[in-house]
C-alpha cells in the first residue's frame, strides 16, 4: 500500500512538472510569435520614425533602439545581447530545477514564462535583424534579405519598438526648480510586445508571487547544499 502511494505521488509529480514545462513553452512561443509578427509587419510597412495615430492616446510609431526595454541604453551592444541570451538560459535552467516543487503556484510559472519570452523576443532582433534587413533613409521602407546585405553584423541588430501611449502632456510651472517651463509627456516611452511581456512578468512576481519566488530560490539553495554534502560523502 505504501509503495502504491509513493508511485502515485511520483506519477503525480511528473504530471505536474510536465504541465508546467509545457505551459512555459506554450506561453514563450505565443509571445515570441506575436512579438516577431508585429515587429516584422512594422519594419516592412513603416518608415523609420513614422507615426500612425490610432486614437488620441494610442499610436503606432516605428523606432529602433540599441538598448534595453523602453529604449534605455546602458551597455555595449554585443555585451547586452550576450547578457540577454545568458539571462534566458539562466531562467530556463531555473524552471527546470523547480518544476517538481508542488508548493509553487501555476501563476508563478506564467510570470517566469513571460519574462523568458520577452527577453527571447528582443534577442531575435539583436541577433538577426542586422543581417536580415537594410536600413534605408525615410521615407523609404526597409526590405528583408536586401541585395547589398543587412545594416549590421550578427548580434548587433537594433530592437524594433512601436507602441506609443501619449496619455497626456503639460508644461511644468516656471517657478519649479530644475524643470520649470519644460514640456512633459506621459507616457513618452515606446515599446514592443517583448518589453510588455517582461514588465507584466516582473509585475506579477512582485505583486502576486514574491512568496513563490522566495520558495523557489530556497529550494534551489537547498538542492545545491545537498549536492555538495553528497559529493563530500562520496
Protein backbone atom coordinates (compact mmCIF):
# COMPACT_ATOMS: atom_id res chain seq x y z
CA UNK A 1 0.00 0.00 0.00
CA UNK A 2 2.81 2.40 0.91
CA UNK A 3 4.57 1.61 -2.37
CA UNK A 4 1.37 2.33 -4.30
CA UNK A 5 1.07 5.73 -2.61
CA UNK A 6 4.71 6.53 -3.38
CA UNK A 7 4.26 5.53 -7.03
CA UNK A 8 1.09 7.61 -7.30
CA UNK A 9 2.91 10.61 -5.81
CA UNK A 10 5.80 10.14 -8.23
CA UNK A 11 3.44 9.94 -11.22
CA UNK A 12 1.52 12.98 -9.98
CA UNK A 13 4.78 14.91 -9.56
CA UNK A 14 5.85 14.04 -13.10
CA UNK A 15 2.48 15.12 -14.48
CA UNK A 16 2.68 18.46 -12.66
CA UNK A 17 6.23 19.01 -13.89
CA UNK A 18 5.28 18.16 -17.47
CA UNK A 19 2.29 20.51 -17.40
CA UNK A 20 4.46 23.32 -16.05
CA UNK A 21 7.12 22.84 -18.71
CA UNK A 22 4.52 22.78 -21.48
CA UNK A 23 2.86 25.88 -20.02
CA UNK A 24 6.16 27.77 -20.06
CA UNK A 25 6.92 26.57 -23.60
CA UNK A 26 3.43 27.44 -24.91
CA UNK A 27 3.47 30.95 -23.40
CA UNK A 28 7.00 31.59 -24.63
CA UNK A 29 6.22 30.51 -28.19
CA UNK A 30 2.97 32.51 -28.29
CA UNK A 31 4.60 35.71 -27.02
CA UNK A 32 7.67 35.42 -29.27
CA UNK A 33 5.49 34.78 -32.34
CA UNK A 34 3.22 37.74 -31.54
CA UNK A 35 6.25 39.93 -30.90
CA UNK A 36 8.06 38.98 -34.09
CA UNK A 37 4.97 39.17 -36.31
CA UNK A 38 4.28 42.69 -35.05
CA UNK A 39 7.90 43.79 -35.43
CA UNK A 40 8.30 42.41 -38.95
CA UNK A 41 5.00 43.96 -40.03
CA UNK A 42 6.03 47.38 -38.69
CA UNK A 43 9.57 47.05 -40.04
CA UNK A 44 8.35 46.29 -43.57
CA UNK A 45 5.37 48.68 -43.68
CA UNK A 46 6.52 51.78 -41.79
CA UNK A 47 9.46 54.04 -42.47
CA UNK A 48 11.70 54.83 -39.52
CA UNK A 49 10.03 57.48 -37.37
CA UNK A 50 6.58 57.10 -38.97
CA UNK A 51 3.77 57.81 -36.50
CA UNK A 52 0.28 56.37 -37.07
CA UNK A 53 -2.32 57.68 -34.57
CA UNK A 54 -4.91 55.02 -33.73
CA UNK A 55 -6.55 57.21 -31.07
CA UNK A 56 -5.51 60.44 -29.33
CA UNK A 57 -3.76 58.38 -26.65
CA UNK A 58 -2.51 55.37 -28.66
CA UNK A 59 -0.15 55.50 -31.64
CA UNK A 60 1.92 53.06 -33.64
CA UNK A 61 5.29 54.75 -34.01
CA UNK A 62 8.23 52.93 -35.56
CA UNK A 63 11.53 53.49 -33.82
CA UNK A 64 14.61 51.35 -33.24
CA UNK A 65 16.96 51.25 -30.29
CA UNK A 66 20.28 49.67 -29.37
CA UNK A 67 19.48 49.13 -25.75
CA UNK A 68 17.18 47.66 -23.18
CA UNK A 69 13.43 47.84 -22.65
CA UNK A 70 11.74 51.18 -23.47
CA UNK A 71 14.77 52.39 -25.42
CA UNK A 72 17.17 52.61 -22.50
CA UNK A 73 20.85 52.32 -23.48
CA UNK A 74 23.26 51.28 -20.76
CA UNK A 75 25.89 48.91 -22.16
CA UNK A 76 27.82 47.88 -25.25
CA UNK A 77 25.54 46.28 -27.87
CA UNK A 78 27.22 42.86 -28.04
CA UNK A 79 27.53 42.70 -24.24
CA UNK A 80 23.83 43.48 -23.96
CA UNK A 81 22.87 40.80 -26.49
CA UNK A 82 25.02 38.16 -24.83
CA UNK A 83 23.61 39.22 -21.47
CA UNK A 84 20.07 38.68 -22.74
CA UNK A 85 20.99 35.21 -24.01
CA UNK A 86 22.64 34.35 -20.68
CA UNK A 87 19.54 35.57 -18.81
CA UNK A 88 17.22 33.38 -20.91
CA UNK A 89 19.45 30.33 -20.37
CA UNK A 90 19.52 31.05 -16.64
CA UNK A 91 15.73 31.34 -16.44
CA UNK A 92 15.27 28.10 -18.39
CA UNK A 93 17.65 26.34 -16.00
CA UNK A 94 15.69 27.86 -13.11
CA UNK A 95 12.37 26.49 -14.41
CA UNK A 96 13.84 23.02 -14.93
CA UNK A 97 15.22 22.97 -11.38
CA UNK A 98 11.90 23.91 -9.73
CA UNK A 99 9.44 22.10 -12.00
CA UNK A 100 8.68 19.40 -9.37
CA UNK A 101 8.06 21.83 -6.47
CA UNK A 102 4.37 21.30 -5.74
CA UNK A 103 4.20 24.24 -3.33
CA UNK A 104 4.77 26.68 -6.20
CA UNK A 105 1.65 28.06 -7.87
CA UNK A 106 0.90 27.90 -11.58
CA UNK A 107 0.84 31.69 -11.87
CA UNK A 108 4.47 31.83 -10.78
CA UNK A 109 5.47 29.77 -13.82
CA UNK A 110 3.32 32.02 -16.03
CA UNK A 111 5.23 35.06 -14.74
CA UNK A 112 8.60 33.41 -15.36
CA UNK A 113 7.48 32.33 -18.85
CA UNK A 114 6.53 35.92 -19.72
CA UNK A 115 9.98 37.14 -18.68
CA UNK A 116 11.71 34.39 -20.69
CA UNK A 117 9.56 35.12 -23.75
CA UNK A 118 10.14 38.87 -23.56
CA UNK A 119 13.89 38.50 -23.32
CA UNK A 120 13.90 35.96 -26.16
CA UNK A 121 11.79 38.22 -28.39
CA UNK A 122 14.30 41.07 -28.21
CA UNK A 123 17.19 38.62 -28.70
CA UNK A 124 15.85 37.80 -32.17
CA UNK A 125 16.09 41.47 -33.16
CA UNK A 126 19.62 41.84 -31.82
CA UNK A 127 20.97 38.63 -33.34
CA UNK A 128 19.23 38.53 -36.74
CA UNK A 129 17.73 41.86 -37.81
CA UNK A 130 21.05 43.49 -38.65
CA UNK A 131 21.67 40.79 -41.26
CA UNK A 132 18.07 40.32 -42.47
CA UNK A 133 17.06 43.93 -43.15
CA UNK A 134 18.51 47.03 -44.78
CA UNK A 135 18.32 50.47 -43.21
CA UNK A 136 17.07 52.99 -45.80
CA UNK A 137 16.62 56.68 -45.19
CA UNK A 138 13.00 57.73 -44.51
CA UNK A 139 10.53 57.75 -46.15
CA UNK A 140 11.81 54.55 -47.76
CA UNK A 141 10.75 51.32 -46.08
CA UNK A 142 13.12 48.52 -45.10
CA UNK A 143 13.13 45.26 -47.06
CA UNK A 144 14.09 41.79 -45.93
CA UNK A 145 17.09 39.99 -47.45
CA UNK A 146 18.42 43.04 -49.32
CA UNK A 147 20.87 42.54 -52.20
CA UNK A 148 23.52 44.68 -50.57
CA UNK A 149 23.32 42.82 -47.27
CA UNK A 150 21.99 43.94 -43.91
CA UNK A 151 22.76 47.08 -41.95
CA UNK A 152 24.79 45.48 -39.14
CA UNK A 153 26.79 42.34 -38.25
CA UNK A 154 25.30 39.39 -36.37
CA UNK A 155 24.42 40.21 -32.73
CA UNK A 156 24.37 43.95 -33.43
CA UNK A 157 20.88 44.45 -34.78
CA UNK A 158 18.53 47.07 -33.36
CA UNK A 159 15.33 46.33 -31.45
CA UNK A 160 12.07 47.40 -33.13
CA UNK A 161 9.57 49.34 -30.98
CA UNK A 162 6.13 50.61 -31.93
CA UNK A 163 3.59 51.01 -29.09
CA UNK A 164 3.30 54.66 -28.03
CA UNK A 165 0.82 55.94 -25.43
CA UNK A 166 0.95 59.77 -25.16
CA UNK A 167 -1.75 59.83 -22.48
CA UNK A 168 -1.32 63.48 -21.53
CA UNK A 169 1.22 66.30 -21.62
CA UNK A 170 1.84 69.68 -19.99
CA UNK A 171 4.47 72.30 -19.24
CA UNK A 172 5.90 72.41 -15.74
CA UNK A 173 5.22 75.72 -13.92
CA UNK A 174 8.01 78.24 -14.34
CA UNK A 175 8.55 78.50 -10.58
CA UNK A 176 9.54 74.84 -10.17
CA UNK A 177 13.34 74.49 -9.78
CA UNK A 178 15.11 72.35 -12.35
CA UNK A 179 12.08 71.55 -14.54
CA UNK A 180 10.25 74.88 -14.67
CA UNK A 181 8.93 75.68 -18.14
CA UNK A 182 9.88 72.28 -19.57
CA UNK A 183 7.49 70.18 -21.63
CA UNK A 184 6.47 66.86 -20.06
CA UNK A 185 4.67 63.97 -21.71
CA UNK A 186 3.24 60.88 -20.07
CA UNK A 187 3.76 58.14 -21.29
CA UNK A 188 6.67 59.00 -23.61
CA UNK A 189 8.35 55.59 -23.82
CA UNK A 190 7.83 53.49 -26.94
CA UNK A 191 7.92 49.71 -26.50
CA UNK A 192 7.08 46.36 -28.09
CA UNK A 193 5.31 43.11 -27.19
CA UNK A 194 8.50 41.65 -25.70
CA UNK A 195 9.00 44.68 -23.42
CA UNK A 196 5.38 44.45 -22.26
CA UNK A 197 5.78 40.73 -21.59
CA UNK A 198 8.83 41.32 -19.39
CA UNK A 199 7.10 44.10 -17.45
CA UNK A 200 3.95 42.05 -16.88
CA UNK A 201 6.01 39.05 -15.75
CA UNK A 202 8.08 41.16 -13.33
CA UNK A 203 4.92 42.87 -12.07
CA UNK A 204 3.26 39.50 -11.37
CA UNK A 205 6.34 38.33 -9.47
CA UNK A 206 6.50 41.48 -7.35
CA UNK A 207 2.82 41.89 -6.51
CA UNK A 208 1.45 38.33 -6.51
CA UNK A 209 4.21 35.72 -6.48
CA UNK A 210 7.08 37.13 -4.43
CA UNK A 211 6.49 34.37 -1.87
CA UNK A 212 6.74 31.72 -4.59
CA UNK A 213 9.97 33.30 -5.82
CA UNK A 214 11.45 33.12 -2.31
CA UNK A 215 10.41 29.47 -2.01
CA UNK A 216 11.90 28.67 -5.42
CA UNK A 217 15.26 30.24 -4.55
CA UNK A 218 15.25 28.42 -1.21
CA UNK A 219 14.62 25.10 -2.96
CA UNK A 220 17.49 25.68 -5.37
CA UNK A 221 19.77 26.70 -2.49
CA UNK A 222 18.85 23.54 -0.54
CA UNK A 223 19.39 21.44 -3.65
CA UNK A 224 22.90 22.86 -4.11
CA UNK A 225 23.66 22.30 -0.42
CA UNK A 226 22.51 18.67 -0.60
CA UNK A 227 24.55 18.10 -3.73
CA UNK A 228 27.69 19.43 -2.04
CA UNK A 229 27.09 17.23 1.03
CA UNK A 230 26.61 14.16 -1.14
CA UNK A 231 29.80 14.93 -3.03
CA UNK A 232 31.70 15.19 0.27
CA UNK A 233 30.33 11.83 1.43
CA UNK A 234 31.47 10.19 -1.78
